[in-house]
Amino acid sequence: LANRFLAALLVGVVLMITPYTIGYAGFYDAYPW
């Protein structure tokens, strides 16, 4: 149980970083949708 909550926290933080990861690579300019 504890490890799955930590896994959920890690996935949530990664998702929060993702818009900047793909944004700096130009995804939002190429795919504004």
PDB file of all heavy atoms in Angstrom:
ATOM      1  N   LEU A   1       0.829  -1.205   0.000  1.00  0.00           N
ATOM      2  CA  LEU A   1       0.000   0.000   0.000  1.00  0.00           C
ATOM      3  C   LEU A   1       0.860   1.250   0.000  1.00  0.00           C
ATOM      4  O   LEU A   1       0.629   2.179  -0.787  1.00  0.00           O
ATOM      5  CB  LEU A   1      -0.930  -0.016   1.216  1.00  0.00           C
ATOM      6  CG  LEU A   1      -2.089  -1.019   1.167  1.00  0.00           C
ATOM      7  CD1 LEU A   1      -2.853  -1.005   2.484  1.00  0.00           C
ATOM      8  CD2 LEU A   1      -3.033  -0.693   0.016  1.00  0.00           C
ATOM      9  N   ALA A   2       1.848   1.296   0.881  1.00  0.00           N
ATOM     10  CA  ALA A   2       2.705   2.476   0.955  1.00  0.00           C
ATOM     11  C   ALA A   2       3.412   2.711  -0.373  1.00  0.00           C
ATOM     12  O   ALA A   2       3.439   3.842  -0.891  1.00  0.00           O
ATOM     13  CB  ALA A   2       3.733   2.310   2.079  1.00  0.00           C
ATOM     14  N   ASN A   3       3.981   1.666  -0.948  1.00  0.00           N
ATOM     15  CA  ASN A   3       4.721   1.828  -2.201  1.00  0.00           C
ATOM     16  C   ASN A   3       3.827   2.254  -3.356  1.00  0.00           C
ATOM     17  O   ASN A   3       4.262   2.985  -4.247  1.00  0.00           O
ATOM     18  CB  ASN A   3       5.445   0.529  -2.543  1.00  0.00           C
ATOM     19  CG  ASN A   3       6.614   0.264  -1.615  1.00  0.00           C
ATOM     20  OD1 ASN A   3       7.213   1.184  -1.085  1.00  0.00           O
ATOM     21  ND2 ASN A   3       6.931  -1.007  -1.416  1.00  0.00           N
ATOM     22  N   ARG A   4       2.576   1.831  -3.332  1.00  0.00           N
ATOM     23  CA  ARG A   4       1.678   2.256  -4.410  1.00  0.00           C
ATOM     24  C   ARG A   4       1.290   3.724  -4.282  1.00  0.00           C
ATOM     25  O   ARG A   4       1.098   4.416  -5.290  1.00  0.00           O
ATOM     26  CB  ARG A   4       0.444   1.363  -4.426  1.00  0.00           C
ATOM     27  CG  ARG A   4       0.762  -0.033  -4.951  1.00  0.00           C
ATOM     28  CD  ARG A   4      -0.409  -0.966  -4.949  1.00  0.00           C
ATOM     29  NE  ARG A   4      -0.033  -2.270  -5.487  1.00  0.00           N
ATOM     30  CZ  ARG A   4      -0.856  -3.289  -5.621  1.00  0.00           C
ATOM     31  NH1 ARG A   4      -2.133  -3.154  -5.245  1.00  0.00           N
ATOM     32  NH2 ARG A   4      -0.435  -4.446  -6.123  1.00  0.00           N
ATOM     33  N   PHE A   5       1.181   4.206  -3.060  1.00  0.00           N
ATOM     34  CA  PHE A   5       0.919   5.638  -2.895  1.00  0.00           C
ATOM     35  C   PHE A   5       2.124   6.456  -3.357  1.00  0.00           C
ATOM     36  O   PHE A   5       1.961   7.519  -3.963  1.00  0.00           O
ATOM     37  CB  PHE A   5       0.588   5.956  -1.437  1.00  0.00           C
ATOM     38  CG  PHE A   5      -0.829   5.606  -1.058  1.00  0.00           C
ATOM     39  CD1 PHE A   5      -1.087   4.626  -0.109  1.00  0.00           C
ATOM     40  CD2 PHE A   5      -1.900   6.238  -1.661  1.00  0.00           C
ATOM     41  CE1 PHE A   5      -2.393   4.291   0.238  1.00  0.00           C
ATOM     42  CE2 PHE A   5      -3.214   5.914  -1.331  1.00  0.00           C
ATOM     43  CZ  PHE A   5      -3.454   4.931  -0.376  1.00  0.00           C
ATOM     44  N   LEU A   6       3.333   5.971  -3.065  1.00  0.00           N
ATOM     45  CA  LEU A   6       4.515   6.676  -3.554  1.00  0.00           C
ATOM     46  C   LEU A   6       4.573   6.618  -5.077  1.00  0.00           C
ATOM     47  O   LEU A   6       4.940   7.603  -5.733  1.00  0.00           O
ATOM     48  CB  LEU A   6       5.777   6.062  -2.948  1.00  0.00           C
ATOM     49  CG  LEU A   6       7.095   6.706  -3.388  1.00  0.00           C
ATOM     50  CD1 LEU A   6       7.104   8.201  -3.098  1.00  0.00           C
ATOM     51  CD2 LEU A   6       8.276   6.026  -2.718  1.00  0.00           C
ATOM     52  N   ALA A   7       4.208   5.479  -5.657  1.00  0.00           N
ATOM     53  CA  ALA A   7       4.165   5.367  -7.118  1.00  0.00           C
ATOM     54  C   ALA A   7       3.180   6.370  -7.707  1.00  0.00           C
ATOM     55  O   ALA A   7       3.460   7.024  -8.724  1.00  0.00           O
ATOM     56  CB  ALA A   7       3.789   3.942  -7.521  1.00  0.00           C
ATOM     57  N   ALA A   8       2.022   6.518  -7.064  1.00  0.00           N
ATOM     58  CA  ALA A   8       1.028   7.486  -7.541  1.00  0.00           C
ATOM     59  C   ALA A   8       1.572   8.901  -7.461  1.00  0.00           C
ATOM     60  O   ALA A   8       1.350   9.723  -8.371  1.00  0.00           O
ATOM     61  CB  ALA A   8      -0.249   7.369  -6.707  1.00  0.00           C
ATOM     62  N   LEU A   9       2.302   9.207  -6.391  1.00  0.00           N
ATOM     63  CA  LEU A   9       2.890  10.541  -6.256  1.00  0.00           C
ATOM     64  C   LEU A   9       3.907  10.796  -7.356  1.00  0.00           C
ATOM     65  O   LEU A   9       3.927  11.874  -7.969  1.00  0.00           O
ATOM     66  CB  LEU A   9       3.544  10.670  -4.882  1.00  0.00           C
ATOM     67  CG  LEU A   9       4.255  11.995  -4.585  1.00  0.00           C
ATOM     68  CD1 LEU A   9       3.284  13.165  -4.694  1.00  0.00           C
ATOM     69  CD2 LEU A   9       4.898  11.962  -3.199  1.00  0.00           C
ATOM     70  N   LEU A  10       4.745   9.810  -7.640  1.00  0.00           N
ATOM     71  CA  LEU A  10       5.745   9.967  -8.692  1.00  0.00           C
ATOM     72  C   LEU A  10       5.097  10.173 -10.057  1.00  0.00           C
ATOM     73  O   LEU A  10       5.511  11.043 -10.834  1.00  0.00           O
ATOM     74  CB  LEU A  10       6.659   8.737  -8.732  1.00  0.00           C
ATOM     75  CG  LEU A  10       7.732   8.659  -7.655  1.00  0.00           C
ATOM     76  CD1 LEU A  10       8.369   7.277  -7.652  1.00  0.00           C
ATOM     77  CD2 LEU A  10       8.779   9.736  -7.866  1.00  0.00           C
ATOM     78  N   VAL A  11       4.072   9.382 -10.343  1.00  0.00           N
ATOM     79  CA  VAL A  11       3.381   9.533 -11.637  1.00  0.00           C
ATOM     80  C   VAL A  11       2.742  10.913 -11.734  1.00  0.00           C
ATOM     81  O   VAL A  11       2.804  11.576 -12.783  1.00  0.00           O
ATOM     82  CB  VAL A  11       2.330   8.428 -11.807  1.00  0.00           C
ATOM     83  CG1 VAL A  11       1.453   8.715 -13.031  1.00  0.00           C
ATOM     84  CG2 VAL A  11       3.003   7.072 -11.954  1.00  0.00           C
ATOM     85  N   GLY A  12       2.136  11.378 -10.638  1.00  0.00           N
ATOM     86  CA  GLY A  12       1.524  12.706 -10.649  1.00  0.00           C
ATOM     87  C   GLY A  12       2.532  13.811 -10.911  1.00  0.00           C
ATOM     88  O   GLY A  12       2.258  14.754 -11.674  1.00  0.00           O
ATOM     89  N   VAL A  13       3.704  13.710 -10.298  1.00  0.00           N
ATOM     90  CA  VAL A  13       4.743  14.726 -10.512  1.00  0.00           C
ATOM     91  C   VAL A  13       5.254  14.666 -11.954  1.00  0.00           C
ATOM     92  O   VAL A  13       5.480  15.703 -12.588  1.00  0.00           O
ATOM     93  CB  VAL A  13       5.898  14.539  -9.511  1.00  0.00           C
ATOM     94  CG1 VAL A  13       7.038  15.511  -9.820  1.00  0.00           C
ATOM     95  CG2 VAL A  13       5.410  14.756  -8.081  1.00  0.00           C
ATOM     96  N   VAL A  14       5.429  13.458 -12.476  1.00  0.00           N
ATOM     97  CA  VAL A  14       5.867  13.319 -13.868  1.00  0.00           C
ATOM     98  C   VAL A  14       4.847  13.945 -14.813  1.00  0.00           C
ATOM     99  O   VAL A  14       5.208  14.649 -15.776  1.00  0.00           O
ATOM    100  CB  VAL A  14       6.098  11.836 -14.217  1.00  0.00           C
ATOM    101  CG1 VAL A  14       6.264  11.655 -15.733  1.00  0.00           C
ATOM    102  CG2 VAL A  14       7.326  11.311 -13.495  1.00  0.00           C
ATOM    103  N   LEU A  15       3.569  13.723 -14.556  1.00  0.00           N
ATOM    104  CA  LEU A  15       2.533  14.333 -15.395  1.00  0.00           C
ATOM    105  C   LEU A  15       2.592  15.845 -15.321  1.00  0.00           C
ATOM    106  O   LEU A  15       2.392  16.541 -16.331  1.00  0.00           O
ATOM    107  CB  LEU A  15       1.152  13.838 -14.963  1.00  0.00           C
ATOM    108  CG  LEU A  15       0.804  12.400 -15.339  1.00  0.00           C
ATOM    109  CD1 LEU A  15      -0.530  11.992 -14.720  1.00  0.00           C
ATOM    110  CD2 LEU A  15       0.749  12.238 -16.861  1.00  0.00           C
ATOM    111  N   MET A  16       2.893  16.384 -14.145  1.00  0.00           N
ATOM    112  CA  MET A  16       3.001  17.833 -13.993  1.00  0.00           C
ATOM    113  C   MET A  16       4.175  18.392 -14.797  1.00  0.00           C
ATOM    114  O   MET A  16       4.103  19.505 -15.327  1.00  0.00           O
ATOM    115  CB  MET A  16       3.162  18.170 -12.512  1.00  0.00           C
ATOM    116  CG  MET A  16       3.251  19.657 -12.225  1.00  0.00           C
ATOM    117  SD  MET A  16       3.392  19.949 -10.445  1.00  0.00           S
ATOM    118  CE  MET A  16       3.700  21.725 -10.432  1.00  0.00           C
ATOM    119  N   ILE A  17       5.255  17.614 -14.901  1.00  0.00           N
ATOM    120  CA  ILE A  17       6.427  18.045 -15.669  1.00  0.00           C
ATOM    121  C   ILE A  17       6.192  17.926 -17.173  1.00  0.00           C
ATOM    122  O   ILE A  17       6.743  18.697 -17.967  1.00  0.00           O
ATOM    123  CB  ILE A  17       7.661  17.200 -15.261  1.00  0.00           C
ATOM    124  CG1 ILE A  17       8.023  17.463 -13.799  1.00  0.00           C
ATOM    125  CG2 ILE A  17       8.862  17.484 -16.155  1.00  0.00           C
ATOM    126  CD1 ILE A  17       9.115  16.547 -13.272  1.00  0.00           C
ATOM    127  N   THR A  18       5.345  16.985 -17.569  1.00  0.00           N
ATOM    128  CA  THR A  18       5.186  16.650 -18.990  1.00  0.00           C
ATOM    129  C   THR A  18       4.837  17.830 -19.893  1.00  0.00           C
ATOM    130  O   THR A  18       5.406  17.957 -20.995  1.00  0.00           O
ATOM    131  CB  THR A  18       4.132  15.535 -19.148  1.00  0.00           C
ATOM    132  OG1 THR A  18       4.588  14.370 -18.456  1.00  0.00           O
ATOM    133  CG2 THR A  18       3.905  15.191 -20.611  1.00  0.00           C
ATOM    134  N   PRO A  19       3.907  18.740 -19.506  1.00  0.00           N
ATOM    135  CA  PRO A  19       3.621  19.864 -20.415  1.00  0.00           C
ATOM    136  C   PRO A  19       4.857  20.701 -20.737  1.00  0.00           C
ATOM    137  O   PRO A  19       4.974  21.228 -21.857  1.00  0.00           O
ATOM    138  CB  PRO A  19       2.585  20.686 -19.633  1.00  0.00           C
ATOM    139  CG  PRO A  19       1.925  19.704 -18.742  1.00  0.00           C
ATOM    140  CD  PRO A  19       3.002  18.742 -18.346  1.00  0.00           C
ATOM    141  N   TYR A  20       5.764  20.821 -19.781  1.00  0.00           N
ATOM    142  CA  TYR A  20       6.992  21.573 -20.039  1.00  0.00           C
ATOM    143  C   TYR A  20       7.972  20.739 -20.855  1.00  0.00           C
ATOM    144  O   TYR A  20       8.689  21.274 -21.710  1.00  0.00           O
ATOM    145  CB  TYR A  20       7.616  22.015 -18.716  1.00  0.00           C
ATOM    146  CG  TYR A  20       6.887  23.196 -18.122  1.00  0.00           C
ATOM    147  CD1 TYR A  20       5.678  23.034 -17.472  1.00  0.00           C
ATOM    148  CD2 TYR A  20       7.398  24.484 -18.258  1.00  0.00           C
ATOM    149  CE1 TYR A  20       4.987  24.111 -16.952  1.00  0.00           C
ATOM    150  CE2 TYR A  20       6.721  25.572 -17.733  1.00  0.00           C
ATOM    151  CZ  TYR A  20       5.515  25.378 -17.086  1.00  0.00           C
ATOM    152  OH  TYR A  20       4.828  26.460 -16.588  1.00  0.00           O
ATOM    153  N   THR A  21       8.016  19.435 -20.620  1.00  0.00           N
ATOM    154  CA  THR A  21       8.892  18.569 -21.408  1.00  0.00           C
ATOM    155  C   THR A  21       8.537  18.644 -22.888  1.00  0.00           C
ATOM    156  O   THR A  21       9.399  18.851 -23.743  1.00  0.00           O
ATOM    157  CB  THR A  21       8.776  17.107 -20.926  1.00  0.00           C
ATOM    158  OG1 THR A  21       9.068  17.033 -19.536  1.00  0.00           O
ATOM    159  CG2 THR A  21       9.727  16.208 -21.694  1.00  0.00           C
ATOM    160  N   ILE A  22       7.259  18.473 -23.180  1.00  0.00           N
ATOM    161  CA  ILE A  22       6.850  18.503 -24.588  1.00  0.00           C
ATOM    162  C   ILE A  22       6.735  19.931 -25.110  1.00  0.00           C
ATOM    163  O   ILE A  22       6.895  20.180 -26.301  1.00  0.00           O
ATOM    164  CB  ILE A  22       5.526  17.744 -24.793  1.00  0.00           C
ATOM    165  CG1 ILE A  22       4.370  18.422 -24.057  1.00  0.00           C
ATOM    166  CG2 ILE A  22       5.673  16.295 -24.351  1.00  0.00           C
ATOM    167  CD1 ILE A  22       3.015  17.753 -24.288  1.00  0.00           C
ATOM    168  N   GLY A  23       6.476  20.876 -24.199  1.00  0.00           N
ATOM    169  CA  GLY A  23       6.367  22.272 -24.624  1.00  0.00           C
ATOM    170  C   GLY A  23       7.697  22.821 -25.106  1.00  0.00           C
ATOM    171  O   GLY A  23       7.773  23.486 -26.152  1.00  0.00           O
ATOM    172  N   TYR A  24       8.772  22.557 -24.345  1.00  0.00           N
ATOM    173  CA  TYR A  24      10.097  23.006 -24.769  1.00  0.00           C
ATOM    174  C   TYR A  24      10.536  22.334 -26.060  1.00  0.00           C
ATOM    175  O   TYR A  24      11.372  22.866 -26.792  1.00  0.00           O
ATOM    176  CB  TYR A  24      11.135  22.726 -23.679  1.00  0.00           C
ATOM    177  CG  TYR A  24      10.957  23.567 -22.439  1.00  0.00           C
ATOM    178  CD1 TYR A  24      11.045  22.988 -21.173  1.00  0.00           C
ATOM    179  CD2 TYR A  24      10.708  24.928 -22.523  1.00  0.00           C
ATOM    180  CE1 TYR A  24      10.885  23.753 -20.022  1.00  0.00           C
ATOM    181  CE2 TYR A  24      10.538  25.697 -21.383  1.00  0.00           C
ATOM    182  CZ  TYR A  24      10.637  25.100 -20.135  1.00  0.00           C
ATOM    183  OH  TYR A  24      10.478  25.862 -19.005  1.00  0.00           O
ATOM    184  N   ALA A  25       9.971  21.150 -26.360  1.00  0.00           N
ATOM    185  CA  ALA A  25      10.316  20.435 -27.594  1.00  0.00           C
ATOM    186  C   ALA A  25       9.467  20.892 -28.777  1.00  0.00           C
ATOM    187  O   ALA A  25       9.678  20.438 -29.906  1.00  0.00           O
ATOM    188  CB  ALA A  25      10.155  18.929 -27.398  1.00  0.00           C
ATOM    189  N   GLY A  26       8.476  21.773 -28.531  1.00  0.00           N
ATOM    190  CA  GLY A  26       7.684  22.325 -29.628  1.00  0.00           C
ATOM    191  C   GLY A  26       6.386  21.612 -29.918  1.00  0.00           C
ATOM    192  O   GLY A  26       5.747  21.877 -30.949  1.00  0.00           O
ATOM    193  N   PHE A  27       5.936  20.744 -29.018  1.00  0.00           N
ATOM    194  CA  PHE A  27       4.715  19.985 -29.282  1.00  0.00           C
ATOM    195  C   PHE A  27       3.488  20.884 -29.358  1.00  0.00           C
ATOM    196  O   PHE A  27       2.605  20.667 -30.193  1.00  0.00           O
ATOM    197  CB  PHE A  27       4.506  18.932 -28.186  1.00  0.00           C
ATOM    198  CG  PHE A  27       5.244  17.647 -28.436  1.00  0.00           C
ATOM    199  CD1 PHE A  27       6.613  17.585 -28.248  1.00  0.00           C
ATOM    200  CD2 PHE A  27       4.567  16.523 -28.868  1.00  0.00           C
ATOM    201  CE1 PHE A  27       7.294  16.402 -28.472  1.00  0.00           C
ATOM    202  CE2 PHE A  27       5.246  15.333 -29.097  1.00  0.00           C
ATOM    203  CZ  PHE A  27       6.625  15.269 -28.896  1.00  0.00           C
ATOM    204  N   TYR A  28       3.402  21.877 -28.485  1.00  0.00           N
ATOM    205  CA  TYR A  28       2.205  22.721 -28.471  1.00  0.00           C
ATOM    206  C   TYR A  28       2.132  23.612 -29.711  1.00  0.00           C
ATOM    207  O   TYR A  28       1.037  23.986 -30.147  1.00  0.00           O
ATOM    208  CB  TYR A  28       2.170  23.568 -27.201  1.00  0.00           C
ATOM    209  CG  TYR A  28       1.786  22.768 -25.972  1.00  0.00           C
ATOM    210  CD1 TYR A  28       2.750  22.324 -25.083  1.00  0.00           C
ATOM    211  CD2 TYR A  28       0.461  22.432 -25.728  1.00  0.00           C
ATOM    212  CE1 TYR A  28       2.411  21.581 -23.964  1.00  0.00           C
ATOM    213  CE2 TYR A  28       0.102  21.686 -24.622  1.00  0.00           C
ATOM    214  CZ  TYR A  28       1.080  21.251 -23.739  1.00  0.00           C
ATOM    215  OH  TYR A  28       0.737  20.506 -22.644  1.00  0.00           O
ATOM    216  N   ASP A  29       3.296  23.947 -30.278  1.00  0.00           N
ATOM    217  CA  ASP A  29       3.285  24.710 -31.536  1.00  0.00           C
ATOM    218  C   ASP A  29       2.850  23.825 -32.698  1.00  0.00           C
ATOM    219  O   ASP A  29       2.099  24.256 -33.576  1.00  0.00           O
ATOM    220  CB  ASP A  29       4.681  25.277 -31.820  1.00  0.00           C
ATOM    221  CG  ASP A  29       5.095  26.312 -30.793  1.00  0.00           C
ATOM    222  OD1 ASP A  29       4.196  27.010 -30.266  1.00  0.00           O
ATOM    223  OD2 ASP A  29       6.299  26.411 -30.499  1.00  0.00           O
ATOM    224  N   ALA A  30       3.313  22.573 -32.677  1.00  0.00           N
ATOM    225  CA  ALA A  30       2.980  21.650 -33.776  1.00  0.00           C
ATOM    226  C   ALA A  30       1.583  21.068 -33.619  1.00  0.00           C
ATOM    227  O   ALA A  30       0.889  20.816 -34.619  1.00  0.00           O
ATOM    228  CB  ALA A  30       4.014  20.530 -33.843  1.00  0.00           C
ATOM    229  N   TYR A  31       1.163  20.856 -32.381  1.00  0.00           N
ATOM    230  CA  TYR A  31      -0.141  20.226 -32.119  1.00  0.00           C
ATOM    231  C   TYR A  31      -0.903  21.064 -31.087  1.00  0.00           C
ATOM    232  O   TYR A  31      -1.002  20.683 -29.912  1.00  0.00           O
ATOM    233  CB  TYR A  31       0.046  18.802 -31.595  1.00  0.00           C
ATOM    234  CG  TYR A  31       0.954  17.949 -32.451  1.00  0.00           C
ATOM    235  CD1 TYR A  31       2.217  17.583 -31.992  1.00  0.00           C
ATOM    236  CD2 TYR A  31       0.557  17.513 -33.714  1.00  0.00           C
ATOM    237  CE1 TYR A  31       3.058  16.803 -32.762  1.00  0.00           C
ATOM    238  CE2 TYR A  31       1.387  16.733 -34.498  1.00  0.00           C
ATOM    239  CZ  TYR A  31       2.644  16.381 -34.020  1.00  0.00           C
ATOM    240  OH  TYR A  31       3.469  15.613 -34.794  1.00  0.00           O
ATOM    241  N   PRO A  32      -1.452  22.178 -31.471  1.00  0.00           N
ATOM    242  CA  PRO A  32      -2.130  23.052 -30.501  1.00  0.00           C
ATOM    243  C   PRO A  32      -3.330  22.404 -29.820  1.00  0.00           C
ATOM    244  O   PRO A  32      -3.771  22.861 -28.766  1.00  0.00           O
ATOM    245  CB  PRO A  32      -2.553  24.254 -31.349  1.00  0.00           C
ATOM    246  CG  PRO A  32      -2.530  23.773 -32.767  1.00  0.00           C
ATOM    247  CD  PRO A  32      -1.456  22.746 -32.834  1.00  0.00           C
ATOM    248  N   TRP A  33      -3.854  21.319 -30.413  1.00  0.00           N
ATOM    249  CA  TRP A  33      -4.992  20.638 -29.783  1.00  0.00           C
ATOM    250  C   TRP A  33      -4.619  20.005 -28.438  1.00  0.00           C
ATOM    251  O   TRP A  33      -5.497  19.602 -27.662  1.00  0.00           O
ATOM    252  CB  TRP A  33      -5.561  19.569 -30.721  1.00  0.00           C
ATOM    253  CG  TRP A  33      -4.544  18.578 -31.225  1.00  0.00           C
ATOM    254  CD1 TRP A  33      -3.831  18.647 -32.381  1.00  0.00           C
ATOM    255  CD2 TRP A  33      -4.137  17.371 -30.563  1.00  0.00           C
ATOM    256  NE1 TRP A  33      -2.992  17.577 -32.507  1.00  0.00           N
ATOM    257  CE2 TRP A  33      -3.164  16.769 -31.393  1.00  0.00           C
ATOM    258  CE3 TRP A  33      -4.481  16.745 -29.382  1.00  0.00           C
ATOM    259  CZ2 TRP A  33      -2.531  15.564 -31.062  1.00  0.00           C
ATOM    260  CZ3 TRP A  33      -3.869  15.548 -29.040  1.00  0.00           C
ATOM    261  CH2 TRP A  33      -2.905  14.975 -29.869  1.00  0.00           C
TER     262      TRP A  33
END
